[in-house]
C-alpha atoms as a PDB file:
ATOM      1  CA  MET A   1     -46.471  81.303 -55.701  1.00  0.00           C
ATOM      2  CA  SER A   2     -45.748  78.564 -58.198  1.00  0.00           C
ATOM      3  CA  TYR A   3     -43.191  76.237 -58.428  1.00  0.00           C
ATOM      4  CA  ASN A   4     -41.394  74.073 -61.126  1.00  0.00           C
ATOM      5  CA  SER A   5     -40.543  70.456 -60.849  1.00  0.00           C
ATOM      6  CA  ILE A   6     -37.009  71.281 -60.068  1.00  0.00           C
ATOM      7  CA  GLU A   7     -37.213  73.973 -57.498  1.00  0.00           C
ATOM      8  CA  ALA A   8     -39.809  71.211 -55.848  1.00  0.00           C
ATOM      9  CA  GLU A   9     -37.332  68.606 -55.642  1.00  0.00           C
ATOM     10  CA  GLN A  10     -34.627  70.717 -54.755  1.00  0.00           C
ATOM     11  CA  VAL A  11     -36.970  71.940 -51.588  1.00  0.00           C
ATOM     12  CA  GLY A  12     -38.237  68.313 -51.499  1.00  0.00           C
ATOM     13  CA  TYR A  13     -34.203  67.091 -50.904  1.00  0.00           C
ATOM     14  CA  ALA A  14     -33.455  69.906 -48.507  1.00  0.00           C
ATOM     15  CA  CYS A  15     -36.284  69.415 -46.275  1.00  0.00           C
ATOM     16  CA  ALA A  16     -35.641  65.395 -46.172  1.00  0.00           C
ATOM     17  CA  ALA A  17     -32.094  66.065 -45.183  1.00  0.00           C
ATOM     18  CA  LEU A  18     -32.695  68.110 -42.176  1.00  0.00           C
ATOM     19  CA  SER A  19     -35.526  65.863 -41.224  1.00  0.00           C
ATOM     20  CA  VAL A  20     -33.341  63.160 -41.319  1.00  0.00           C
ATOM     21  CA  PHE A  21     -30.573  64.908 -39.664  1.00  0.00           C
ATOM     22  CA  ILE A  22     -32.969  65.830 -36.890  1.00  0.00           C
ATOM     23  CA  LEU A  23     -33.825  62.401 -36.743  1.00  0.00           C
ATOM     24  CA  CYS A  24     -30.714  60.716 -36.305  1.00  0.00           C
ATOM     25  CA  CYS A  25     -29.324  62.948 -33.558  1.00  0.00           C
ATOM     26  CA  ARG A  26     -32.249  61.978 -31.428  1.00  0.00           C
ATOM     27  CA  ILE A  27     -31.416  58.371 -32.016  1.00  0.00           C
ATOM     28  CA  VAL A  28     -27.640  58.747 -31.367  1.00  0.00           C
ATOM     29  CA  ILE A  29     -28.534  60.591 -28.152  1.00  0.00           C
ATOM     30  CA  SER A  30     -30.622  58.434 -26.905  1.00  0.00           C
ATOM     31  CA  ARG A  31     -27.667  55.481 -27.461  1.00  0.00           C
ATOM     32  CA  TRP A  32     -25.218  57.710 -26.168  1.00  0.00           C
ATOM     33  CA  ARG A  33     -27.556  57.827 -22.956  1.00  0.00           C
ATOM     34  CA  ARG A  34     -27.955  54.001 -23.253  1.00  0.00           C
ATOM     35  CA  GLU A  35     -32.258  55.022 -22.749  1.00  0.00           C
ATOM     36  CA  PRO A  36     -34.488  51.799 -23.053  1.00  0.00           C
ATOM     37  CA  VAL A  37     -35.639  51.119 -26.370  1.00  0.00           C
ATOM     38  CA  ASP A  38     -39.791  52.105 -26.384  1.00  0.00           C
ATOM     39  CA  LEU A  39     -42.171  52.802 -29.079  1.00  0.00           C
ATOM     40  CA  SER A  40     -40.690  56.303 -29.822  1.00  0.00           C
ATOM     41  CA  PHE A  41     -37.522  54.742 -31.075  1.00  0.00           C
ATOM     42  CA  PHE A  42     -39.393  52.459 -33.554  1.00  0.00           C
ATOM     43  CA  LEU A  43     -41.670  55.563 -34.524  1.00  0.00           C
ATOM     44  CA  VAL A  44     -38.392  57.361 -35.176  1.00  0.00           C
ATOM     45  CA  LEU A  45     -36.802  54.760 -37.284  1.00  0.00           C
ATOM     46  CA  LEU A  46     -40.315  54.586 -39.217  1.00  0.00           C
ATOM     47  CA  SER A  47     -40.593  58.317 -39.834  1.00  0.00           C
ATOM     48  CA  MET A  48     -36.707  57.961 -41.377  1.00  0.00           C
ATOM     49  CA  ILE A  49     -38.237  55.365 -43.874  1.00  0.00           C
ATOM     50  CA  ILE A  50     -41.281  57.344 -45.113  1.00  0.00           C
ATOM     51  CA  ILE A  51     -38.555  60.229 -45.563  1.00  0.00           C
ATOM     52  CA  VAL A  52     -36.434  57.794 -48.017  1.00  0.00           C
ATOM     53  CA  GLY A  53     -39.872  56.581 -49.550  1.00  0.00           C
ATOM     54  CA  ARG A  54     -41.631  60.037 -50.445  1.00  0.00           C
ATOM     55  CA  ILE A  55     -38.403  61.281 -51.758  1.00  0.00           C
ATOM     56  CA  VAL A  56     -38.208  58.636 -54.229  1.00  0.00           C
ATOM     57  CA  THR A  57     -42.032  58.797 -55.049  1.00  0.00           C
ATOM     58  CA  ASN A  58     -41.609  62.817 -55.589  1.00  0.00           C
ATOM     59  CA  ASN A  59     -38.851  62.266 -58.127  1.00  0.00           C
ATOM     60  CA  PHE A  60     -40.664  60.111 -60.314  1.00  0.00           C
ATOM     61  CA  TYR A  61     -44.220  61.806 -60.250  1.00  0.00           C
ATOM     62  CA  LEU A  62     -42.767  65.051 -60.405  1.00  0.00           C
ATOM     63  CA  ARG A  63     -40.597  63.614 -64.015  1.00  0.00           C
ATOM     64  CA  TYR A  64     -43.855  61.946 -64.769  1.00  0.00           C
ATOM     65  CA  GLY A  65     -46.424  64.384 -64.330  1.00  0.00           C
ATOM     66  CA  ASN A  66     -50.037  63.619 -63.452  1.00  0.00           C
ATOM     67  CA  ALA A  67     -53.561  64.085 -64.696  1.00  0.00           C
ATOM     68  CA  ASN A  68     -54.548  67.167 -62.597  1.00  0.00           C
ATOM     69  CA  ASP A  69     -51.531  69.159 -63.619  1.00  0.00           C
ATOM     70  CA  VAL A  70     -52.077  68.322 -67.451  1.00  0.00           C
ATOM     71  CA  LEU A  71     -56.034  69.434 -66.857  1.00  0.00           C
ATOM     72  CA  HIS A  72     -55.637  72.489 -65.123  1.00  0.00           C
ATOM     73  CA  ASP A  73     -52.259  74.092 -65.716  1.00  0.00           C
ATOM     74  CA  PRO A  74     -51.512  75.740 -68.855  1.00  0.00           C
ATOM     75  CA  ASN A  75     -47.755  75.605 -68.371  1.00  0.00           C
ATOM     76  CA  VAL A  76     -47.833  71.564 -68.365  1.00  0.00           C
ATOM     77  CA  PRO A  77     -48.026  69.971 -71.757  1.00  0.00           C
ATOM     78  CA  ASP A  78     -49.906  67.375 -72.875  1.00  0.00           C
ATOM     79  CA  HIS A  79     -48.749  63.989 -72.003  1.00  0.00           C
ATOM     80  CA  GLU A  80     -48.097  61.810 -75.398  1.00  0.00           C
ATOM     81  CA  ASP A  81     -47.866  58.593 -73.509  1.00  0.00           C
ATOM     82  CA  PRO A  82     -50.652  57.593 -71.353  1.00  0.00           C
ATOM     83  CA  SER A  83     -48.904  54.678 -69.310  1.00  0.00           C
ATOM     84  CA  ARG A  84     -46.223  57.370 -67.816  1.00  0.00           C
ATOM     85  CA  LEU A  85     -49.495  59.997 -66.754  1.00  0.00           C
ATOM     86  CA  LYS A  86     -50.978  56.929 -64.950  1.00  0.00           C
ATOM     87  CA  VAL A  87     -47.935  55.826 -62.909  1.00  0.00           C
ATOM     88  CA  GLY A  88     -47.093  59.586 -61.972  1.00  0.00           C
ATOM     89  CA  SER A  89     -50.625  60.086 -60.823  1.00  0.00           C
ATOM     90  CA  ILE A  90     -50.637  56.774 -59.097  1.00  0.00           C
ATOM     91  CA  LEU A  91     -47.338  57.834 -57.307  1.00  0.00           C
ATOM     92  CA  VAL A  92     -49.074  60.867 -56.189  1.00  0.00           C
ATOM     93  CA  LEU A  93     -51.491  59.153 -54.416  1.00  0.00           C
ATOM     94  CA  LEU A  94     -48.561  57.154 -52.399  1.00  0.00           C
ATOM     95  CA  ALA A  95     -46.685  60.158 -51.910  1.00  0.00           C
ATOM     96  CA  ARG A  96     -50.080  61.949 -50.115  1.00  0.00           C
ATOM     97  CA  VAL A  97     -50.551  58.728 -47.597  1.00  0.00           C
ATOM     98  CA  LEU A  98     -46.812  59.045 -46.800  1.00  0.00           C
ATOM     99  CA  LEU A  99     -47.116  62.492 -45.851  1.00  0.00           C
ATOM    100  CA  THR A 100     -49.927  61.592 -44.078  1.00  0.00           C
ATOM    101  CA  ALA A 101     -47.903  58.510 -42.313  1.00  0.00           C
ATOM    102  CA  PHE A 102     -45.428  60.957 -41.444  1.00  0.00           C
ATOM    103  CA  LEU A 103     -47.018  63.756 -40.055  1.00  0.00           C
ATOM    104  CA  TRP A 104     -49.168  61.339 -37.988  1.00  0.00           C
ATOM    105  CA  LEU A 105     -45.933  59.651 -36.855  1.00  0.00           C
ATOM    106  CA  GLN A 106     -44.709  63.090 -35.385  1.00  0.00           C
ATOM    107  CA  ILE A 107     -47.990  63.673 -33.402  1.00  0.00           C
ATOM    108  CA  GLY A 108     -47.636  59.891 -32.145  1.00  0.00           C
ATOM    109  CA  LEU A 109     -43.903  61.200 -30.718  1.00  0.00           C
ATOM    110  CA  LEU A 110     -45.786  63.933 -29.274  1.00  0.00           C
ATOM    111  CA  LEU A 111     -48.026  62.348 -27.591  1.00  0.00           C
ATOM    112  CA  LEU A 112     -45.603  60.191 -25.855  1.00  0.00           C
ATOM    113  CA  PHE A 113     -43.590  63.472 -25.065  1.00  0.00           C
ATOM    114  CA  TYR A 114     -46.496  64.869 -23.004  1.00  0.00           C
ATOM    115  CA  SER A 115     -48.087  61.742 -21.765  1.00  0.00           C
ATOM    116  CA  ARG A 116     -44.482  61.388 -20.155  1.00  0.00           C
ATOM    117  CA  ILE A 117     -44.586  64.915 -18.546  1.00  0.00           C
ATOM    118  CA  THR A 118     -47.861  65.208 -17.547  1.00  0.00           C
ATOM    119  CA  SER A 119     -48.167  61.376 -16.197  1.00  0.00           C
ATOM    120  CA  GLY A 120     -50.111  61.789 -13.239  1.00  0.00           C
ATOM    121  CA  ILE A 121     -52.733  64.386 -13.764  1.00  0.00           C
ATOM    122  CA  THR A 122     -55.914  62.931 -14.240  1.00  0.00           C
ATOM    123  CA  TRP A 123     -57.557  64.933 -16.805  1.00  0.00           C
ATOM    124  CA  ALA A 124     -54.588  65.307 -18.827  1.00  0.00           C
ATOM    125  CA  ASP A 125     -54.368  61.582 -18.824  1.00  0.00           C
ATOM    126  CA  ARG A 126     -57.943  61.498 -20.506  1.00  0.00           C
ATOM    127  CA  LEU A 127     -57.323  64.405 -22.779  1.00  0.00           C
ATOM    128  CA  ALA A 128     -54.098  62.070 -24.047  1.00  0.00           C
ATOM    129  CA  LYS A 129     -56.500  58.713 -24.674  1.00  0.00           C
ATOM    130  CA  LEU A 130     -58.397  61.413 -26.728  1.00  0.00           C
ATOM    131  CA  ALA A 131     -55.786  62.253 -28.695  1.00  0.00           C
ATOM    132  CA  TRP A 132     -54.845  58.929 -29.819  1.00  0.00           C
ATOM    133  CA  ILE A 133     -58.291  57.910 -30.626  1.00  0.00           C
ATOM    134  CA  THR A 134     -58.257  60.955 -32.710  1.00  0.00           C
ATOM    135  CA  THR A 135     -55.136  60.211 -34.284  1.00  0.00           C
ATOM    136  CA  LEU A 136     -56.107  56.650 -35.129  1.00  0.00           C
ATOM    137  CA  LEU A 137     -59.105  57.713 -36.800  1.00  0.00           C
ATOM    138  CA  THR A 138     -58.472  60.826 -38.410  1.00  0.00           C
ATOM    139  CA  PHE A 139     -55.220  58.797 -40.053  1.00  0.00           C
ATOM    140  CA  ALA A 140     -57.904  56.529 -41.726  1.00  0.00           C
ATOM    141  CA  GLY A 141     -60.109  58.603 -42.675  1.00  0.00           C
ATOM    142  CA  ILE A 142     -57.496  60.687 -44.768  1.00  0.00           C
ATOM    143  CA  VAL A 143     -55.794  57.566 -45.767  1.00  0.00           C
ATOM    144  CA  LEU A 144     -59.753  56.646 -47.249  1.00  0.00           C
ATOM    145  CA  ALA A 145     -59.984  59.806 -48.797  1.00  0.00           C
ATOM    146  CA  THR A 146     -57.044  59.847 -50.582  1.00  0.00           C
ATOM    147  CA  PHE A 147     -58.177  57.192 -52.527  1.00  0.00           C
ATOM    148  CA  LEU A 148     -62.028  57.573 -52.865  1.00  0.00           C
ATOM    149  CA  GLU A 149     -62.459  61.174 -53.527  1.00  0.00           C
ATOM    150  CA  CYS A 150     -62.349  60.349 -57.169  1.00  0.00           C
ATOM    151  CA  HIS A 151     -64.756  57.050 -57.895  1.00  0.00           C
ATOM    152  CA  PRO A 152     -63.812  54.777 -59.652  1.00  0.00           C
ATOM    153  CA  ILE A 153     -60.319  55.502 -58.793  1.00  0.00           C
ATOM    154  CA  GLU A 154     -59.109  55.319 -62.585  1.00  0.00           C
ATOM    155  CA  LEU A 155     -60.187  59.028 -62.520  1.00  0.00           C
ATOM    156  CA  TYR A 156     -57.123  60.306 -61.369  1.00  0.00           C
ATOM    157  CA  TRP A 157     -55.289  59.748 -63.983  1.00  0.00           C
ATOM    158  CA  GLN A 158     -57.630  59.989 -66.875  1.00  0.00           C
ATOM    159  CA  VAL A 159     -57.574  63.259 -68.903  1.00  0.00           C
ATOM    160  CA  ASP A 160     -60.106  62.606 -71.588  1.00  0.00           C
ATOM    161  CA  PRO A 161     -62.765  63.181 -71.206  1.00  0.00           C
ATOM    162  CA  ASP A 162     -62.179  65.888 -68.043  1.00  0.00           C
ATOM    163  CA  PRO A 163     -62.843  63.612 -65.046  1.00  0.00           C
ATOM    164  CA  GLY A 164     -64.235  66.763 -62.708  1.00  0.00           C
ATOM    165  CA  HIS A 165     -62.434  68.470 -59.876  1.00  0.00           C
ATOM    166  CA  CYS A 166     -62.126  65.599 -57.879  1.00  0.00           C
ATOM    167  CA  VAL A 167     -58.524  65.078 -59.285  1.00  0.00           C
ATOM    168  CA  ARG A 168     -57.664  68.169 -57.244  1.00  0.00           C
ATOM    169  CA  ALA A 169     -57.971  66.334 -54.072  1.00  0.00           C
ATOM    170  CA  TYR A 170     -59.328  69.227 -52.016  1.00  0.00           C
ATOM    171  CA  ILE A 171     -61.411  67.063 -49.673  1.00  0.00           C
ATOM    172  CA  GLN A 172     -58.216  64.996 -48.785  1.00  0.00           C
ATOM    173  CA  LEU A 173     -56.378  68.211 -48.381  1.00  0.00           C
ATOM    174  CA  LEU A 174     -58.680  69.957 -46.336  1.00  0.00           C
ATOM    175  CA  LEU A 175     -59.544  66.945 -43.893  1.00  0.00           C
ATOM    176  CA  GLN A 176     -55.784  66.351 -43.380  1.00  0.00           C
ATOM    177  CA  GLY A 177     -55.408  69.915 -42.550  1.00  0.00           C
ATOM    178  CA  ILE A 178     -58.342  70.219 -40.478  1.00  0.00           C
ATOM    179  CA  ALA A 179     -57.603  66.982 -38.451  1.00  0.00           C
ATOM    180  CA  ASN A 180     -53.744  68.309 -37.996  1.00  0.00           C
ATOM    181  CA  ILE A 181     -54.743  71.515 -36.517  1.00  0.00           C
ATOM    182  CA  VAL A 182     -57.441  69.713 -34.258  1.00  0.00           C
ATOM    183  CA  ILE A 183     -54.978  67.317 -32.851  1.00  0.00           C
ATOM    184  CA  ASP A 184     -52.491  70.310 -32.424  1.00  0.00           C
ATOM    185  CA  ILE A 185     -54.549  72.009 -30.409  1.00  0.00           C
ATOM    186  CA  LEU A 186     -55.340  68.968 -28.483  1.00  0.00           C
ATOM    187  CA  LEU A 187     -51.608  68.679 -27.694  1.00  0.00           C
ATOM    188  CA  LEU A 188     -51.666  71.844 -26.514  1.00  0.00           C
ATOM    189  CA  THR A 189     -54.417  71.264 -23.851  1.00  0.00           C
ATOM    190  CA  ILE A 190     -52.622  68.246 -22.831  1.00  0.00           C
ATOM    191  CA  ALA A 191     -49.483  70.614 -22.343  1.00  0.00           C
ATOM    192  CA  TYR A 192     -51.295  73.569 -20.745  1.00  0.00           C
ATOM    193  CA  PRO A 193     -51.280  71.980 -16.416  1.00  0.00           C
ATOM    194  CA  LEU A 194     -47.360  72.619 -16.930  1.00  0.00           C
ATOM    195  CA  VAL A 195     -47.978  76.383 -17.327  1.00  0.00           C
ATOM    196  CA  CYS A 196     -50.568  76.124 -14.050  1.00  0.00           C
ATOM    197  CA  LEU A 197     -47.749  74.648 -11.693  1.00  0.00           C
ATOM    198  CA  ARG A 198     -46.064  76.499  -9.236  1.00  0.00           C
ATOM    199  CA  LYS A 199     -42.532  76.964  -8.172  1.00  0.00           C
ATOM    200  CA  ARG A 200     -40.971  77.633 -11.759  1.00  0.00           C
ATOM    201  CA  THR A 201     -38.041  79.544 -12.619  1.00  0.00           C
ATOM    202  CA  LEU A 202     -37.490  81.721 -15.328  1.00  0.00           C
ATOM    203  CA  SER A 203     -35.676  79.338 -17.784  1.00  0.00           C
ATOM    204  CA  GLU A 204     -38.535  76.696 -17.454  1.00  0.00           C
ATOM    205  CA  TYR A 205     -40.970  79.545 -18.228  1.00  0.00           C
ATOM    206  CA  ILE A 206     -38.781  80.024 -21.320  1.00  0.00           C
ATOM    207  CA  SER A 207     -39.405  76.720 -22.172  1.00  0.00           C
ATOM    208  CA  LEU A 208     -42.753  75.685 -21.582  1.00  0.00           C
ATOM    209  CA  TYR A 209     -43.591  79.146 -23.703  1.00  0.00           C
ATOM    210  CA  THR A 210     -41.337  77.940 -26.464  1.00  0.00           C
ATOM    211  CA  LEU A 211     -42.923  74.628 -26.596  1.00  0.00           C
ATOM    212  CA  PHE A 212     -46.500  76.360 -27.102  1.00  0.00           C
ATOM    213  CA  ALA A 213     -44.677  78.590 -29.641  1.00  0.00           C
ATOM    214  CA  LEU A 214     -43.680  75.801 -31.576  1.00  0.00           C
ATOM    215  CA  GLY A 215     -47.068  73.900 -31.957  1.00  0.00           C
ATOM    216  CA  THR A 216     -48.855  76.967 -32.740  1.00  0.00           C
ATOM    217  CA  PHE A 217     -46.241  77.744 -35.481  1.00  0.00           C
ATOM    218  CA  CYS A 218     -47.035  74.052 -36.908  1.00  0.00           C
ATOM    219  CA  ILE A 219     -50.906  75.166 -37.025  1.00  0.00           C
ATOM    220  CA  VAL A 220     -49.870  78.310 -38.754  1.00  0.00           C
ATOM    221  CA  VAL A 221     -47.670  76.316 -41.636  1.00  0.00           C
ATOM    222  CA  THR A 222     -50.788  73.808 -41.855  1.00  0.00           C
ATOM    223  CA  ILE A 223     -53.132  77.028 -42.799  1.00  0.00           C
ATOM    224  CA  ILE A 224     -50.632  78.870 -45.032  1.00  0.00           C
ATOM    225  CA  ARG A 225     -50.251  75.420 -46.875  1.00  0.00           C
ATOM    226  CA  VAL A 226     -53.600  74.847 -47.173  1.00  0.00           C
ATOM    227  CA  ALA A 227     -54.127  78.517 -48.467  1.00  0.00           C
ATOM    228  CA  LEU A 228     -51.711  78.109 -51.078  1.00  0.00           C
ATOM    229  CA  ILE A 229     -52.970  74.891 -52.686  1.00  0.00           C
ATOM    230  CA  PHE A 230     -56.161  76.289 -53.013  1.00  0.00           C
ATOM    231  CA  ASN A 231     -54.434  79.707 -54.497  1.00  0.00           C
ATOM    232  CA  GLU A 232     -52.535  77.617 -57.154  1.00  0.00           C
ATOM    233  CA  ASP A 233     -55.729  75.185 -58.171  1.00  0.00           C
ATOM    234  CA  SER A 234     -54.151  72.150 -56.421  1.00  0.00           C
ATOM    235  CA  SER A 235     -51.112  72.424 -58.373  1.00  0.00           C
ATOM    236  CA  GLN A 236     -48.699  69.336 -57.374  1.00  0.00           C
ATOM    237  CA  THR A 237     -45.513  71.566 -57.457  1.00  0.00           C
ATOM    238  CA  THR A 238     -47.235  73.561 -54.895  1.00  0.00           C
ATOM    239  CA  ARG A 239     -48.422  70.774 -53.061  1.00  0.00           C
ATOM    240  CA  SER A 240     -44.995  68.908 -53.099  1.00  0.00           C
ATOM    241  CA  VAL A 241     -42.814  72.015 -52.071  1.00  0.00           C
ATOM    242  CA  TRP A 242     -45.334  72.747 -49.027  1.00  0.00           C
ATOM    243  CA  ALA A 243     -46.130  69.081 -47.843  1.00  0.00           C
ATOM    244  CA  SER A 244     -41.929  69.019 -48.067  1.00  0.00           C
ATOM    245  CA  VAL A 245     -41.900  72.503 -45.850  1.00  0.00           C
ATOM    246  CA  GLN A 246     -44.563  70.900 -43.251  1.00  0.00           C
ATOM    247  CA  MET A 247     -43.006  67.663 -42.913  1.00  0.00           C
ATOM    248  CA  PHE A 248     -39.469  69.373 -41.674  1.00  0.00           C
ATOM    249  CA  VAL A 249     -41.756  71.872 -39.490  1.00  0.00           C
ATOM    250  CA  SER A 250     -43.597  68.835 -37.738  1.00  0.00           C
ATOM    251  CA  CYS A 251     -40.354  66.726 -37.406  1.00  0.00           C
ATOM    252  CA  PHE A 252     -38.404  69.831 -35.641  1.00  0.00           C
ATOM    253  CA  VAL A 253     -41.601  70.458 -33.327  1.00  0.00           C
ATOM    254  CA  ALA A 254     -41.758  67.122 -32.278  1.00  0.00           C
ATOM    255  CA  ASN A 255     -38.476  65.700 -31.869  1.00  0.00           C
ATOM    256  CA  ALA A 256     -36.635  69.468 -31.027  1.00  0.00           C
ATOM    257  CA  PRO A 257     -38.182  69.207 -27.247  1.00  0.00           C
ATOM    258  CA  THR A 258     -36.502  65.584 -26.583  1.00  0.00           C
ATOM    259  CA  ILE A 259     -33.223  66.444 -27.865  1.00  0.00           C
ATOM    260  CA  TYR A 260     -32.889  69.733 -25.980  1.00  0.00           C
ATOM    261  CA  GLY A 261     -34.222  67.534 -22.995  1.00  0.00           C
ATOM    262  CA  SER A 262     -31.591  65.024 -23.314  1.00  0.00           C
ATOM    263  CA  LEU A 263     -28.909  67.371 -23.626  1.00  0.00           C
ATOM    264  CA  ARG A 264     -29.802  69.574 -20.585  1.00  0.00           C
ATOM    265  CA  VAL A 265     -30.250  66.546 -18.149  1.00  0.00           C
ATOM    266  CA  VAL A 266     -27.029  65.177 -19.328  1.00  0.00           C
ATOM    267  CA  ARG A 267     -25.386  68.672 -18.593  1.00  0.00           C
ATOM    268  CA  ARG A 268     -26.949  68.656 -15.009  1.00  0.00           C
ATOM    269  CA  LYS A 269     -25.608  65.408 -14.589  1.00  0.00           C
ATOM    270  CA  ARG A 270     -22.100  66.058 -15.255  1.00  0.00           C
ATOM    271  CA  SER A 271     -22.365  69.398 -13.631  1.00  0.00           C
ATOM    272  CA  GLY A 272     -23.459  67.273 -10.260  1.00  0.00           C
ATOM    273  CA  GLN A 273     -21.262  64.526 -10.745  1.00  0.00           C
ATOM    274  CA  ARG A 274     -18.113  67.742 -10.765  1.00  0.00           C
ATOM    275  CA  SER A 275     -19.807  69.173  -7.571  1.00  0.00           C
ATOM    276  CA  ALA A 276     -19.839  65.823  -5.471  1.00  0.00           C
ATOM    277  CA  PRO A 277     -17.569  64.416  -2.872  1.00  0.00           C
ATOM    278  CA  SER A 278     -15.381  61.647  -4.151  1.00  0.00           C
ATOM    279  CA  CYS A 279     -13.846  58.824  -1.772  1.00  0.00           C
ATOM    280  CA  ALA A 280     -10.346  58.151  -1.640  1.00  0.00           C
ATOM    281  CA  ASN A 281     -10.623  54.352  -1.783  1.00  0.00           C
ATOM    282  CA  GLY A 282     -13.034  52.890  -4.127  1.00  0.00           C
ATOM    283  CA  GLU A 283     -15.039  55.764  -5.534  1.00  0.00           C
ATOM    284  CA  LEU A 284     -18.628  55.298  -5.942  1.00  0.00           C
ATOM    285  CA  SER A 285     -20.206  56.149  -9.679  1.00  0.00           C
ATOM    286  CA  ALA A 286     -22.814  58.352  -9.521  1.00  0.00           C
ATOM    287  CA  ARG A 287     -23.950  57.928 -13.067  1.00  0.00           C
ATOM    288  CA  PRO A 288     -26.466  54.867 -13.590  1.00  0.00           C
ATOM    289  CA  SER A 289     -25.864  52.247 -16.296  1.00  0.00           C
ATOM    290  CA  ARG A 290     -29.435  52.576 -17.493  1.00  0.00           C
ATOM    291  CA  PRO A 291     -30.459  56.084 -16.970  1.00  0.00           C
ATOM    292  CA  GLY A 292     -34.217  56.998 -16.869  1.00  0.00           C
ATOM    293  CA  ARG A 293     -35.835  59.430 -18.875  1.00  0.00           C
ATOM    294  CA  ASP A 294     -35.636  62.488 -17.082  1.00  0.00           C
ATOM    295  CA  SER A 295     -37.775  65.482 -18.367  1.00  0.00           C
ATOM    296  CA  TRP A 296     -36.652  68.537 -19.484  1.00  0.00           C
ATOM    297  CA  ILE A 297     -38.781  70.377 -17.569  1.00  0.00           C
ATOM    298  CA  LYS A 298     -38.753  69.824 -13.553  1.00  0.00           C
ATOM    299  CA  MET A 299     -42.227  68.301 -12.859  1.00  0.00           C
ATOM    300  CA  ASP A 300     -43.980  69.297  -9.144  1.00  0.00           C
ATOM    301  CA  GLU A 301     -47.364  67.529  -9.671  1.00  0.00           C
ATOM    302  CA  GLU A 302     -46.715  65.958  -6.009  1.00  0.00           C
ATOM    303  CA  ILE A 303     -46.619  69.401  -4.959  1.00  0.00           C
ATOM    304  CA  ALA A 304     -49.145  71.094  -6.587  1.00  0.00           C
ATOM    305  CA  LEU A 305     -51.889  68.687  -7.844  1.00  0.00           C
ATOM    306  CA  ARG A 306     -51.458  65.955  -4.804  1.00  0.00           C
ATOM    307  CA  PRO A 307     -52.512  65.726  -1.169  1.00  0.00           C
ATOM    308  CA  THR A 308     -49.455  66.447   1.373  1.00  0.00           C
ATOM    309  CA  ILE A 309     -48.332  63.365   2.593  1.00  0.00           C
ATOM    310  CA  PRO A 310     -44.950  62.401   4.471  1.00  0.00           C
ATOM    311  CA  ARG A 311     -42.033  61.816   2.695  1.00  0.00           C
ATOM    312  CA  THR A 312     -38.375  60.031   3.315  1.00  0.00           C
ATOM    313  CA  LEU A 313     -35.583  60.674   1.742  1.00  0.00           C
ATOM    314  CA  THR A 314     -33.155  58.478   1.192  1.00  0.00           C
ATOM    315  CA  VAL A 315     -29.247  59.396   0.865  1.00  0.00           C
ATOM    316  CA  PRO A 316     -26.409  56.958  -0.156  1.00  0.00           C
ATOM    317  CA  PRO A 317     -23.445  56.906   2.407  1.00  0.00           C
ATOM    318  CA  ALA A 318     -21.141  58.395  -0.674  1.00  0.00           C
ATOM    319  CA  ALA A 319     -23.155  61.290  -0.029  1.00  0.00           C
ATOM    320  CA  ILE A 320     -22.610  61.653   3.500  1.00  0.00           C
ATOM    321  CA  LEU A 321     -18.925  61.360   4.086  1.00  0.00           C
ATOM    322  CA  CYS A 322     -16.453  58.878   2.600  1.00  0.00           C
ATOM    323  CA  GLY A 323     -14.332  56.345   4.771  1.00  0.00           C
ATOM    324  CA  THR A 324     -13.356  52.808   4.179  1.00  0.00           C
ATOM    325  CA  ASN A 325     -15.521  51.252   6.685  1.00  0.00           C
ATOM    326  CA  ILE A 326     -18.742  52.792   5.391  1.00  0.00           C
ATOM    327  CA  THR A 327     -21.491  50.590   4.970  1.00  0.00           C
ATOM    328  CA  PRO A 328     -23.085  50.561   1.392  1.00  0.00           C
ATOM    329  CA  ALA A 329     -26.495  50.536   2.736  1.00  0.00           C
ATOM    330  CA  LEU A 330     -29.035  53.405   2.557  1.00  0.00           C
ATOM    331  CA  HIS A 331     -29.935  55.645   5.477  1.00  0.00           C
ATOM    332  CA  PRO A 332     -33.363  57.084   5.299  1.00  0.00           C
ATOM    333  CA  ILE A 333     -33.788  60.591   6.778  1.00  0.00           C
ATOM    334  CA  PRO A 334     -37.386  61.644   8.033  1.00  0.00           C
ATOM    335  CA  LEU A 335     -38.819  65.115   6.794  1.00  0.00           C
ATOM    336  CA  CYS A 336     -41.504  67.041   7.972  1.00  0.00           C
ATOM    337  CA  PRO A 337     -44.775  66.704   5.550  1.00  0.00           C
ATOM    338  CA  ILE A 338     -44.266  68.954   2.715  1.00  0.00           C
ATOM    339  CA  ARG A 339     -47.037  71.756   3.154  1.00  0.00           C
END
């Protein structure tokens, strides 16, 4: 299926707007919950900047054209202004780097999410470290392939004589697609221990399998994108349309679990506050000033994966009874070892 430049621009605007909306929701919810600023916060901000940068470069190179479309697309007329063609071809390279950076930032957000909810599982931690190393190495490799597939680099905007197939950037496309799929499989492998843990409710199993379905969907979109680009002889409008679609899909997959989890934690805490007893004099607030990061899936690695140890439960006095002469000290209540 071929696309014209107007359709590519419209799809780019729509996917960019949806992606920015998702990222803004994540930031607003994070600030509303007064979560501490961490690495994921800066990755989200950088992702938004990259979306804006890619939209700007897309608009210019779709108007200026590029050498690959002039050479291989019969619907694209020859350019009389080689300087505009050169600028358009350079912006194409920049847009490919921005696309790679955005996709890999979403991978980083997913890695942070999986690392948090699988913390304490030794082999999952090792897989997470391997995924981080793979992410960094593949990003560097894809950026290098973007600029070095045509050597010298002037071949990217050369029309006469024909520079050859390097201007179609098939190596860069395959390297990006294969690396993306491999890392997605690594992420699903890291999350697999969650399915094996015991004492899951039906809603938690639904959440887990939805997480796996989203990861699988991201892989399917990558395969479709690569196949369609090959089918259209690497038409830049086709590349632009499906790059925009993949950006939105990866943004949704990387941020939806965190957004959903934050909203679920807030709802659970509110329901807990309504059911908690209140004191007539000097009611104690049940909401901390800076709530910690609660997982959207209740973790029970300590039951399923760790040795049995005695535990104690600390209960604040407000949870026991209310009165005016209650000392605000914590009362430890010993429990039997978990079996």
